[in-house]
């Protein structure tokens, strides 16, 4: 799966919460991308967009 695409999707999701894309470190982007890819492999039927939104929300609310 394309991690660059996922990073862009994470950035857009952060913008929806009025957060700067630079507020995440490279390590956090990689960690979130790996988590999203793992979820997509476990649940191939789920939409990638929804998975990204869920993971970013969990990250923001410190649930992840």
C-alpha atoms as a PDB file:
ATOM      1  CA  UNK A   1       0.000   0.000   0.000  1.00  0.00           C
ATOM      2  CA  UNK A   2       1.262   3.474  -0.814  1.00  0.00           C
ATOM      3  CA  UNK A   3       2.442   5.139   2.403  1.00  0.00           C
ATOM      4  CA  UNK A   4       2.753   8.511   0.673  1.00  0.00           C
ATOM      5  CA  UNK A   5      -0.963   8.401  -0.143  1.00  0.00           C
ATOM      6  CA  UNK A   6      -1.765   7.491   3.450  1.00  0.00           C
ATOM      7  CA  UNK A   7       0.425  10.337   4.727  1.00  0.00           C
ATOM      8  CA  UNK A   8      -1.500  12.782   2.507  1.00  0.00           C
ATOM      9  CA  UNK A   9      -4.774  11.375   3.812  1.00  0.00           C
ATOM     10  CA  UNK A  10      -3.550  11.792   7.404  1.00  0.00           C
ATOM     11  CA  UNK A  11      -2.604  15.408   6.656  1.00  0.00           C
ATOM     12  CA  UNK A  12      -6.061  16.141   5.233  1.00  0.00           C
ATOM     13  CA  UNK A  13      -7.666  14.530   8.247  1.00  0.00           C
ATOM     14  CA  UNK A  14      -5.544  16.654  10.589  1.00  0.00           C
ATOM     15  CA  UNK A  15      -6.673  19.754   8.691  1.00  0.00           C
ATOM     16  CA  UNK A  16     -10.280  18.838   9.438  1.00  0.00           C
ATOM     17  CA  UNK A  17      -9.415  19.074  13.143  1.00  0.00           C
ATOM     18  CA  UNK A  18      -7.665  22.422  12.563  1.00  0.00           C
ATOM     19  CA  UNK A  19      -4.252  20.924  13.284  1.00  0.00           C
ATOM     20  CA  UNK A  20      -1.137  21.692  11.303  1.00  0.00           C
ATOM     21  CA  UNK A  21       0.312  18.730   9.389  1.00  0.00           C
ATOM     22  CA  UNK A  22       3.693  19.665  10.880  1.00  0.00           C
ATOM     23  CA  UNK A  23       2.334  18.957  14.358  1.00  0.00           C
ATOM     24  CA  UNK A  24       3.143  15.262  13.858  1.00  0.00           C
ATOM     25  CA  UNK A  25       6.674  13.963  13.794  1.00  0.00           C
ATOM     26  CA  UNK A  26       7.878  11.703  11.013  1.00  0.00           C
ATOM     27  CA  UNK A  27       7.857   8.846  13.517  1.00  0.00           C
ATOM     28  CA  UNK A  28       4.185   9.490  14.332  1.00  0.00           C
ATOM     29  CA  UNK A  29       3.259   9.583  10.626  1.00  0.00           C
ATOM     30  CA  UNK A  30       5.029   6.267  10.088  1.00  0.00           C
ATOM     31  CA  UNK A  31       3.414   4.721  13.151  1.00  0.00           C
ATOM     32  CA  UNK A  32      -0.056   5.823  12.063  1.00  0.00           C
ATOM     33  CA  UNK A  33       0.535   4.641   8.483  1.00  0.00           C
ATOM     34  CA  UNK A  34       1.692   1.211   9.668  1.00  0.00           C
ATOM     35  CA  UNK A  35      -1.378   0.964  11.892  1.00  0.00           C
ATOM     36  CA  UNK A  36      -3.706   1.968   9.038  1.00  0.00           C
ATOM     37  CA  UNK A  37      -2.098  -0.540   6.660  1.00  0.00           C
ATOM     38  CA  UNK A  38      -2.465  -3.305   9.258  1.00  0.00           C
ATOM     39  CA  UNK A  39      -6.129  -2.433   9.773  1.00  0.00           C
ATOM     40  CA  UNK A  40      -6.739  -2.424   6.012  1.00  0.00           C
ATOM     41  CA  UNK A  41      -5.182  -5.889   5.720  1.00  0.00           C
ATOM     42  CA  UNK A  42      -7.353  -7.156   8.585  1.00  0.00           C
ATOM     43  CA  UNK A  43     -10.494  -5.521   7.209  1.00  0.00           C
ATOM     44  CA  UNK A  44     -10.145  -5.299   3.413  1.00  0.00           C
ATOM     45  CA  UNK A  45     -13.829  -4.433   3.007  1.00  0.00           C
ATOM     46  CA  UNK A  46     -13.529  -1.217   5.030  1.00  0.00           C
ATOM     47  CA  UNK A  47     -12.913   1.990   3.145  1.00  0.00           C
ATOM     48  CA  UNK A  48      -9.376   3.368   3.502  1.00  0.00           C
ATOM     49  CA  UNK A  49     -10.743   6.868   4.071  1.00  0.00           C
ATOM     50  CA  UNK A  50     -12.808   5.682   7.053  1.00  0.00           C
ATOM     51  CA  UNK A  51      -9.844   3.827   8.536  1.00  0.00           C
ATOM     52  CA  UNK A  52      -7.659   6.933   8.267  1.00  0.00           C
ATOM     53  CA  UNK A  53     -10.344   9.073   9.895  1.00  0.00           C
ATOM     54  CA  UNK A  54     -10.756   6.595  12.761  1.00  0.00           C
ATOM     55  CA  UNK A  55      -7.024   6.266  13.389  1.00  0.00           C
ATOM     56  CA  UNK A  56      -6.408  10.021  13.295  1.00  0.00           C
ATOM     57  CA  UNK A  57      -9.327  10.628  15.651  1.00  0.00           C
ATOM     58  CA  UNK A  58      -7.947   8.010  18.022  1.00  0.00           C
ATOM     59  CA  UNK A  59      -4.526   9.629  17.838  1.00  0.00           C
ATOM     60  CA  UNK A  60      -5.916  13.090  18.559  1.00  0.00           C
ATOM     61  CA  UNK A  61      -7.968  11.871  21.505  1.00  0.00           C
ATOM     62  CA  UNK A  62      -4.965   9.893  22.791  1.00  0.00           C
ATOM     63  CA  UNK A  63      -6.799   6.604  22.436  1.00  0.00           C
ATOM     64  CA  UNK A  64      -4.174   5.055  20.167  1.00  0.00           C
END
